[in-house]
C-alpha cells in the first residue's frame, strides 16, 4: 500500500501545483536567480534523503511538485536579463 500512497500523492500534488502556479503568482527570485518550485522540491527531497525520512506520501507529493515544474518550458535557475 505504500506505493499506492506514493502514487496518489504524486497525482494530487501534481494537480494542486498546476492549479497553484496557474492561479497564484508566488515567486522566490531576485534579479539574478529564480528558485522555481521544482528546485525547492528537489532541495527538500535532498534534505529528507539525508535525514532518512521515508514517508511515501511526502515523497510522492514532492515528486509531483518537481515533475510539474520540469514539465514547463521555462525552468532555468538563471533569470533572463530584461534590457
PDB file of N, CA and C in Angstrom:
ATOM      1  N   UNK A   1       0.806  -1.193   0.000  1.00  0.00           N
ATOM      2  CA  UNK A   1       0.000   0.000   0.000  1.00  0.00           C
ATOM      3  C   UNK A   1       0.851   1.260   0.000  1.00  0.00           C
ATOM      4  N   UNK A   2       2.119   1.161   0.341  1.00  0.00           N
ATOM      5  CA  UNK A   2       2.968   2.349   0.321  1.00  0.00           C
ATOM      6  C   UNK A   2       3.102   2.907  -1.087  1.00  0.00           C
ATOM      7  N   UNK A   3       3.164   2.025  -2.082  1.00  0.00           N
ATOM      8  CA  UNK A   3       3.263   2.501  -3.461  1.00  0.00           C
ATOM      9  C   UNK A   3       1.983   3.215  -3.873  1.00  0.00           C
ATOM     10  N   UNK A   4       0.846   2.737  -3.382  1.00  0.00           N
ATOM     11  CA  UNK A   4      -0.426   3.402  -3.667  1.00  0.00           C
ATOM     12  C   UNK A   4      -0.451   4.799  -3.045  1.00  0.00           C
ATOM     13  N   UNK A   5       0.039   4.940  -1.824  1.00  0.00           N
ATOM     14  CA  UNK A   5       0.114   6.253  -1.179  1.00  0.00           C
ATOM     15  C   UNK A   5       1.017   7.184  -1.969  1.00  0.00           C
ATOM     16  N   UNK A   6       2.162   6.674  -2.387  1.00  0.00           N
ATOM     17  CA  UNK A   6       3.102   7.459  -3.191  1.00  0.00           C
ATOM     18  C   UNK A   6       2.436   7.919  -4.490  1.00  0.00           C
ATOM     19  N   UNK A   7       1.786   7.012  -5.176  1.00  0.00           N
ATOM     20  CA  UNK A   7       1.160   7.328  -6.465  1.00  0.00           C
ATOM     21  C   UNK A   7       0.044   8.351  -6.319  1.00  0.00           C
ATOM     22  N   UNK A   8      -0.807   8.167  -5.331  1.00  0.00           N
ATOM     23  CA  UNK A   8      -1.896   9.119  -5.108  1.00  0.00           C
ATOM     24  C   UNK A   8      -1.365  10.499  -4.731  1.00  0.00           C
ATOM     25  N   UNK A   9      -0.353  10.545  -3.886  1.00  0.00           N
ATOM     26  CA  UNK A   9       0.245  11.828  -3.507  1.00  0.00           C
ATOM     27  C   UNK A   9       0.878  12.513  -4.711  1.00  0.00           C
ATOM     28  N   UNK A  10       1.535  11.738  -5.560  1.00  0.00           N
ATOM     29  CA  UNK A  10       2.159  12.293  -6.761  1.00  0.00           C
ATOM     30  C   UNK A  10       1.100  12.949  -7.648  1.00  0.00           C
ATOM     31  N   UNK A  11       0.030  12.237  -7.926  1.00  0.00           N
ATOM     32  CA  UNK A  11      -1.021  12.764  -8.802  1.00  0.00           C
ATOM     33  C   UNK A  11      -1.699  13.981  -8.180  1.00  0.00           C
ATOM     34  N   UNK A  12      -2.044  13.896  -6.906  1.00  0.00           N
ATOM     35  CA  UNK A  12      -2.732  15.008  -6.246  1.00  0.00           C
ATOM     36  C   UNK A  12      -1.852  16.257  -6.183  1.00  0.00           C
ATOM     37  N   UNK A  13      -0.599  16.091  -5.802  1.00  0.00           N
ATOM     38  CA  UNK A  13       0.280  17.257  -5.685  1.00  0.00           C
ATOM     39  C   UNK A  13       0.651  17.825  -7.043  1.00  0.00           C
ATOM     40  N   UNK A  14       0.752  16.991  -8.055  1.00  0.00           N
ATOM     41  CA  UNK A  14       0.965  17.496  -9.416  1.00  0.00           C
ATOM     42  C   UNK A  14      -0.191  18.403  -9.803  1.00  0.00           C
ATOM     43  N   UNK A  15      -1.432  17.929  -9.591  1.00  0.00           N
ATOM     44  CA  UNK A  15      -2.619  18.704  -9.963  1.00  0.00           C
ATOM     45  C   UNK A  15      -2.740  19.979  -9.129  1.00  0.00           C
ATOM     46  N   UNK A  16      -2.502  19.886  -7.835  1.00  0.00           N
ATOM     47  CA  UNK A  16      -2.583  21.066  -6.967  1.00  0.00           C
ATOM     48  C   UNK A  16      -1.520  22.092  -7.355  1.00  0.00           C
ATOM     49  N   UNK A  17      -0.315  21.618  -7.626  1.00  0.00           N
ATOM     50  CA  UNK A  17       0.758  22.522  -8.031  1.00  0.00           C
ATOM     51  C   UNK A  17       0.441  23.183  -9.360  1.00  0.00           C
ATOM     52  N   UNK A  18      -0.122  22.449 -10.298  1.00  0.00           N
ATOM     53  CA  UNK A  18      -0.507  23.031 -11.582  1.00  0.00           C
ATOM     54  C   UNK A  18      -1.527  24.144 -11.379  1.00  0.00           C
ATOM     55  N   UNK A  19      -2.553  23.876 -10.557  1.00  0.00           N
ATOM     56  CA  UNK A  19      -3.568  24.889 -10.282  1.00  0.00           C
ATOM     57  C   UNK A  19      -2.949  26.102  -9.599  1.00  0.00           C
ATOM     58  N   UNK A  20      -2.095  25.844  -8.590  1.00  0.00           N
ATOM     59  CA  UNK A  20      -1.474  26.927  -7.824  1.00  0.00           C
ATOM     60  C   UNK A  20      -0.620  27.812  -8.717  1.00  0.00           C
ATOM     61  N   UNK A  21       0.216  27.204  -9.564  1.00  0.00           N
ATOM     62  CA  UNK A  21       1.109  28.007 -10.413  1.00  0.00           C
ATOM     63  C   UNK A  21       0.349  28.745 -11.510  1.00  0.00           C
ATOM     64  N   UNK A  22      -0.794  28.245 -11.910  1.00  0.00           N
ATOM     65  CA  UNK A  22      -1.599  28.924 -12.935  1.00  0.00           C
ATOM     66  C   UNK A  22      -2.420  30.072 -12.352  1.00  0.00           C
ATOM     67  N   UNK A  23      -2.760  30.011 -11.072  1.00  0.00           N
ATOM     68  CA  UNK A  23      -3.693  30.973 -10.490  1.00  0.00           C
ATOM     69  C   UNK A  23      -3.096  31.917  -9.452  1.00  0.00           C
ATOM     70  N   UNK A  24      -1.985  31.568  -8.847  1.00  0.00           N
ATOM     71  CA  UNK A  24      -1.380  32.388  -7.802  1.00  0.00           C
ATOM     72  C   UNK A  24       0.064  32.674  -8.192  1.00  0.00           C
ATOM     73  N   UNK A  25       0.401  33.934  -8.251  1.00  0.00           N
ATOM     74  CA  UNK A  25       1.753  34.331  -8.652  1.00  0.00           C
ATOM     75  C   UNK A  25       2.635  34.493  -7.411  1.00  0.00           C
ATOM     76  N   UNK A  26       3.295  33.416  -7.029  1.00  0.00           N
ATOM     77  CA  UNK A  26       4.210  33.405  -5.898  1.00  0.00           C
ATOM     78  C   UNK A  26       5.573  32.981  -6.420  1.00  0.00           C
ATOM     79  N   UNK A  27       6.574  33.818  -6.204  1.00  0.00           N
ATOM     80  CA  UNK A  27       7.903  33.519  -6.745  1.00  0.00           C
ATOM     81  C   UNK A  27       8.974  33.745  -5.687  1.00  0.00           C
ATOM     82  N   UNK A  28       9.987  32.918  -5.722  1.00  0.00           N
ATOM     83  CA  UNK A  28      11.184  33.107  -4.915  1.00  0.00           C
ATOM     84  C   UNK A  28      12.280  33.457  -5.914  1.00  0.00           C
ATOM     85  N   UNK A  29      12.534  34.778  -6.057  1.00  0.00           N
ATOM     86  CA  UNK A  29      13.504  35.204  -7.059  1.00  0.00           C
ATOM     87  C   UNK A  29      14.063  36.572  -6.707  1.00  0.00           C
ATOM     88  N   UNK A  30      15.184  36.880  -7.365  1.00  0.00           N
ATOM     89  CA  UNK A  30      15.760  38.215  -7.315  1.00  0.00           C
ATOM     90  C   UNK A  30      16.187  38.575  -8.737  1.00  0.00           C
ATOM     91  N   UNK A  31      17.069  39.557  -8.896  1.00  0.00           N
ATOM     92  CA  UNK A  31      17.453  39.983 -10.242  1.00  0.00           C
ATOM     93  C   UNK A  31      18.286  38.954 -10.999  1.00  0.00           C
ATOM     94  N   UNK A  32      18.918  38.038 -10.283  1.00  0.00           N
ATOM     95  CA  UNK A  32      19.796  37.052 -10.914  1.00  0.00           C
ATOM     96  C   UNK A  32      19.213  35.646 -10.925  1.00  0.00           C
ATOM     97  N   UNK A  33      18.692  35.209  -9.797  1.00  0.00           N
ATOM     98  CA  UNK A  33      18.250  33.824  -9.650  1.00  0.00           C
ATOM     99  C   UNK A  33      16.742  33.717  -9.505  1.00  0.00           C
ATOM    100  N   UNK A  34      16.233  32.586  -9.946  1.00  0.00           N
ATOM    101  CA  UNK A  34      14.815  32.276  -9.812  1.00  0.00           C
ATOM    102  C   UNK A  34      14.722  30.845  -9.296  1.00  0.00           C
ATOM    103  N   UNK A  35      14.257  30.680  -8.056  1.00  0.00           N
ATOM    104  CA  UNK A  35      14.085  29.341  -7.495  1.00  0.00           C
ATOM    105  C   UNK A  35      12.688  28.852  -7.828  1.00  0.00           C
ATOM    106  N   UNK A  36      12.589  28.093  -8.884  1.00  0.00           N
ATOM    107  CA  UNK A  36      11.318  27.520  -9.296  1.00  0.00           C
ATOM    108  C   UNK A  36      10.887  26.470  -8.279  1.00  0.00           C
ATOM    109  N   UNK A  37       9.599  26.120  -8.315  1.00  0.00           N
ATOM    110  CA  UNK A  37       9.086  25.166  -7.335  1.00  0.00           C
ATOM    111  C   UNK A  37       9.718  23.788  -7.486  1.00  0.00           C
ATOM    112  N   UNK A  38      10.158  23.420  -8.682  1.00  0.00           N
ATOM    113  CA  UNK A  38      10.796  22.115  -8.824  1.00  0.00           C
ATOM    114  C   UNK A  38      12.165  22.113  -8.146  1.00  0.00           C
ATOM    115  N   UNK A  39      12.835  23.275  -8.100  1.00  0.00           N
ATOM    116  CA  UNK A  39      14.132  23.369  -7.424  1.00  0.00           C
ATOM    117  C   UNK A  39      13.936  23.283  -5.917  1.00  0.00           C
ATOM    118  N   UNK A  40      12.944  24.007  -5.419  1.00  0.00           N
ATOM    119  CA  UNK A  40      12.649  23.970  -3.982  1.00  0.00           C
ATOM    120  C   UNK A  40      12.276  22.548  -3.565  1.00  0.00           C
ATOM    121  N   UNK A  41      11.427  21.876  -4.353  1.00  0.00           N
ATOM    122  CA  UNK A  41      11.044  20.493  -4.038  1.00  0.00           C
ATOM    123  C   UNK A  41      12.265  19.573  -4.052  1.00  0.00           C
ATOM    124  N   UNK A  42      13.158  19.771  -4.991  1.00  0.00           N
ATOM    125  CA  UNK A  42      14.362  18.930  -5.076  1.00  0.00           C
ATOM    126  C   UNK A  42      15.279  19.150  -3.878  1.00  0.00           C
ATOM    127  N   UNK A  43      15.405  20.394  -3.430  1.00  0.00           N
ATOM    128  CA  UNK A  43      16.226  20.688  -2.249  1.00  0.00           C
ATOM    129  C   UNK A  43      15.632  20.004  -1.015  1.00  0.00           C
ATOM    130  N   UNK A  44      14.314  20.107  -0.870  1.00  0.00           N
ATOM    131  CA  UNK A  44      13.651  19.449   0.262  1.00  0.00           C
ATOM    132  C   UNK A  44      13.837  17.939   0.184  1.00  0.00           C
ATOM    133  N   UNK A  45      13.760  17.374  -1.019  1.00  0.00           N
ATOM    134  CA  UNK A  45      13.959  15.933  -1.183  1.00  0.00           C
ATOM    135  C   UNK A  45      15.376  15.523  -0.774  1.00  0.00           C
ATOM    136  N   UNK A  46      16.365  16.321  -1.133  1.00  0.00           N
ATOM    137  CA  UNK A  46      17.747  16.016  -0.763  1.00  0.00           C
ATOM    138  C   UNK A  46      17.909  16.036   0.760  1.00  0.00           C
ATOM    139  N   UNK A  47      17.288  17.010   1.410  1.00  0.00           N
ATOM    140  CA  UNK A  47      17.357  17.089   2.873  1.00  0.00           C
ATOM    141  C   UNK A  47      16.677  15.879   3.509  1.00  0.00           C
ATOM    142  N   UNK A  48      15.494  15.518   3.010  1.00  0.00           N
ATOM    143  CA  UNK A  48      14.785  14.354   3.549  1.00  0.00           C
ATOM    144  C   UNK A  48      15.565  13.061   3.332  1.00  0.00           C
ATOM    145  N   UNK A  49      16.220  12.962   2.191  1.00  0.00           N
ATOM    146  CA  UNK A  49      17.046  11.791   1.914  1.00  0.00           C
ATOM    147  C   UNK A  49      18.196  11.710   2.911  1.00  0.00           C
ATOM    148  N   UNK A  50      18.849  12.844   3.137  1.00  0.00           N
ATOM    149  CA  UNK A  50      19.959  12.899   4.085  1.00  0.00           C
ATOM    150  C   UNK A  50      19.496  12.524   5.492  1.00  0.00           C
ATOM    151  N   UNK A  51      18.306  12.994   5.876  1.00  0.00           N
ATOM    152  CA  UNK A  51      17.759  12.697   7.205  1.00  0.00           C
ATOM    153  C   UNK A  51      17.086  11.331   7.284  1.00  0.00           C
ATOM    154  N   UNK A  52      17.051  10.606   6.168  1.00  0.00           N
ATOM    155  CA  UNK A  52      16.462   9.274   6.062  1.00  0.00           C
ATOM    156  C   UNK A  52      14.990   9.256   6.481  1.00  0.00           C
ATOM    157  N   UNK A  53      14.250  10.269   6.030  1.00  0.00           N
ATOM    158  CA  UNK A  53      12.810  10.338   6.271  1.00  0.00           C
ATOM    159  C   UNK A  53      12.120   9.623   5.121  1.00  0.00           C
ATOM    160  N   UNK A  54      11.290   8.636   5.462  1.00  0.00           N
ATOM    161  CA  UNK A  54      10.733   7.743   4.448  1.00  0.00           C
ATOM    162  C   UNK A  54       9.220   7.615   4.590  1.00  0.00           C
ATOM    163  N   UNK A  55       8.519   8.643   4.160  1.00  0.00           N
ATOM    164  CA  UNK A  55       7.052   8.608   4.133  1.00  0.00           C
ATOM    165  C   UNK A  55       6.616   8.692   2.676  1.00  0.00           C
ATOM    166  N   UNK A  56       5.924   7.674   2.171  1.00  0.00           N
ATOM    167  CA  UNK A  56       5.563   7.643   0.755  1.00  0.00           C
ATOM    168  C   UNK A  56       4.734   8.844   0.308  1.00  0.00           C
ATOM    169  N   UNK A  57       3.857   9.357   1.156  1.00  0.00           N
ATOM    170  CA  UNK A  57       3.021  10.480   0.749  1.00  0.00           C
ATOM    171  C   UNK A  57       3.822  11.770   0.661  1.00  0.00           C
ATOM    172  N   UNK A  58       4.871  11.912   1.478  1.00  0.00           N
ATOM    173  CA  UNK A  58       5.739  13.099   1.364  1.00  0.00           C
ATOM    174  C   UNK A  58       6.554  13.006   0.084  1.00  0.00           C
ATOM    175  N   UNK A  59       7.160  11.852  -0.161  1.00  0.00           N
ATOM    176  CA  UNK A  59       7.972  11.681  -1.368  1.00  0.00           C
ATOM    177  C   UNK A  59       7.127  11.780  -2.637  1.00  0.00           C
ATOM    178  N   UNK A  60       5.936  11.218  -2.614  1.00  0.00           N
ATOM    179  CA  UNK A  60       5.043  11.323  -3.764  1.00  0.00           C
ATOM    180  C   UNK A  60       4.630  12.763  -4.020  1.00  0.00           C
ATOM    181  N   UNK A  61       4.319  13.477  -2.947  1.00  0.00           N
ATOM    182  CA  UNK A  61       3.937  14.878  -3.083  1.00  0.00           C
ATOM    183  C   UNK A  61       5.050  15.727  -3.652  1.00  0.00           C
ATOM    184  N   UNK A  62       6.244  15.574  -3.112  1.00  0.00           N
ATOM    185  CA  UNK A  62       7.382  16.352  -3.608  1.00  0.00           C
ATOM    186  C   UNK A  62       7.740  15.968  -5.042  1.00  0.00           C
ATOM    187  N   UNK A  63       7.612  14.697  -5.378  1.00  0.00           N
ATOM    188  CA  UNK A  63       7.855  14.260  -6.752  1.00  0.00           C
ATOM    189  C   UNK A  63       6.844  14.888  -7.697  1.00  0.00           C
ATOM    190  N   UNK A  64       5.585  14.953  -7.287  1.00  0.00           N
ATOM    191  CA  UNK A  64       4.554  15.596  -8.098  1.00  0.00           C
ATOM    192  C   UNK A  64       4.850  17.063  -8.338  1.00  0.00           C
ATOM    193  N   UNK A  65       5.297  17.766  -7.294  1.00  0.00           N
ATOM    194  CA  UNK A  65       5.657  19.185  -7.422  1.00  0.00           C
ATOM    195  C   UNK A  65       6.832  19.344  -8.384  1.00  0.00           C
ATOM    196  N   UNK A  66       7.858  18.511  -8.232  1.00  0.00           N
ATOM    197  CA  UNK A  66       9.040  18.613  -9.090  1.00  0.00           C
ATOM    198  C   UNK A  66       8.713  18.283 -10.541  1.00  0.00           C
ATOM    199  N   UNK A  67       7.960  17.244 -10.774  1.00  0.00           N
ATOM    200  CA  UNK A  67       7.625  16.862 -12.150  1.00  0.00           C
ATOM    201  C   UNK A  67       6.768  17.925 -12.826  1.00  0.00           C
ATOM    202  N   UNK A  68       5.848  18.537 -12.071  1.00  0.00           N
ATOM    203  CA  UNK A  68       5.019  19.596 -12.656  1.00  0.00           C
ATOM    204  C   UNK A  68       5.898  20.748 -13.130  1.00  0.00           C
ATOM    205  N   UNK A  69       6.895  21.106 -12.341  1.00  0.00           N
ATOM    206  CA  UNK A  69       7.786  22.197 -12.731  1.00  0.00           C
ATOM    207  C   UNK A  69       8.676  21.852 -13.903  1.00  0.00           C
ATOM    208  N   UNK A  70       9.156  20.633 -13.943  1.00  0.00           N
ATOM    209  CA  UNK A  70      10.028  20.210 -15.039  1.00  0.00           C
ATOM    210  C   UNK A  70       9.270  20.068 -16.350  1.00  0.00           C
ATOM    211  N   UNK A  71       7.955  19.911 -16.274  1.00  0.00           N
ATOM    212  CA  UNK A  71       7.150  19.775 -17.488  1.00  0.00           C
ATOM    213  C   UNK A  71       6.951  21.113 -18.206  1.00  0.00           C
ATOM    214  N   UNK A  72       7.293  22.208 -17.546  1.00  0.00           N
ATOM    215  CA  UNK A  72       7.151  23.534 -18.154  1.00  0.00           C
ATOM    216  C   UNK A  72       8.364  23.851 -19.013  1.00  0.00           C
ATOM    217  N   UNK A  73       8.195  24.771 -19.969  1.00  0.00           N
ATOM    218  CA  UNK A  73       9.290  25.045 -20.903  1.00  0.00           C
ATOM    219  C   UNK A  73      10.351  25.982 -20.332  1.00  0.00           C
ATOM    220  N   UNK A  74      10.017  26.848 -19.380  1.00  0.00           N
ATOM    221  CA  UNK A  74      10.997  27.774 -18.815  1.00  0.00           C
ATOM    222  C   UNK A  74      11.251  27.408 -17.365  1.00  0.00           C
ATOM    223  N   UNK A  75      12.348  26.684 -17.108  1.00  0.00           N
ATOM    224  CA  UNK A  75      12.647  26.293 -15.743  1.00  0.00           C
ATOM    225  C   UNK A  75      14.108  26.505 -15.376  1.00  0.00           C
ATOM    226  N   UNK A  76      14.749  27.443 -16.024  1.00  0.00           N
ATOM    227  CA  UNK A  76      16.145  27.749 -15.726  1.00  0.00           C
ATOM    228  C   UNK A  76      16.260  28.461 -14.384  1.00  0.00           C
ATOM    229  N   UNK A  77      17.371  28.239 -13.685  1.00  0.00           N
ATOM    230  CA  UNK A  77      17.600  28.899 -12.401  1.00  0.00           C
ATOM    231  C   UNK A  77      18.072  30.337 -12.613  1.00  0.00           C
ATOM    232  N   UNK A  78      18.718  30.617 -13.743  1.00  0.00           N
ATOM    233  CA  UNK A  78      19.176  31.985 -14.036  1.00  0.00           C
ATOM    234  C   UNK A  78      18.085  32.743 -14.753  1.00  0.00           C
ATOM    235  N   UNK A  79      17.832  33.958 -14.315  1.00  0.00           N
ATOM    236  CA  UNK A  79      16.792  34.772 -14.952  1.00  0.00           C
ATOM    237  C   UNK A  79      17.335  35.398 -16.219  1.00  0.00           C
ATOM    238  N   UNK A  80      16.471  35.542 -17.215  1.00  0.00           N
ATOM    239  CA  UNK A  80      16.843  36.259 -18.427  1.00  0.00           C
ATOM    240  C   UNK A  80      16.881  37.738 -18.116  1.00  0.00           C
ATOM    241  N   UNK A  81      17.918  38.434 -18.605  1.00  0.00           N
ATOM    242  CA  UNK A  81      18.005  39.868 -18.345  1.00  0.00           C
ATOM    243  C   UNK A  81      16.977  40.600 -19.199  1.00  0.00           C
ATOM    244  N   UNK A  82      16.355  41.584 -18.607  1.00  0.00           N
ATOM    245  CA  UNK A  82      15.326  42.359 -19.300  1.00  0.00           C
ATOM    246  C   UNK A  82      15.859  43.746 -19.603  1.00  0.00           C
ATOM    247  N   UNK A  83      16.595  43.874 -20.674  1.00  0.00           N
ATOM    248  CA  UNK A  83      17.180  45.176 -21.048  1.00  0.00           C
ATOM    249  C   UNK A  83      16.565  45.696 -22.297  1.00  0.00           C
TER     250      UNK A  83
END
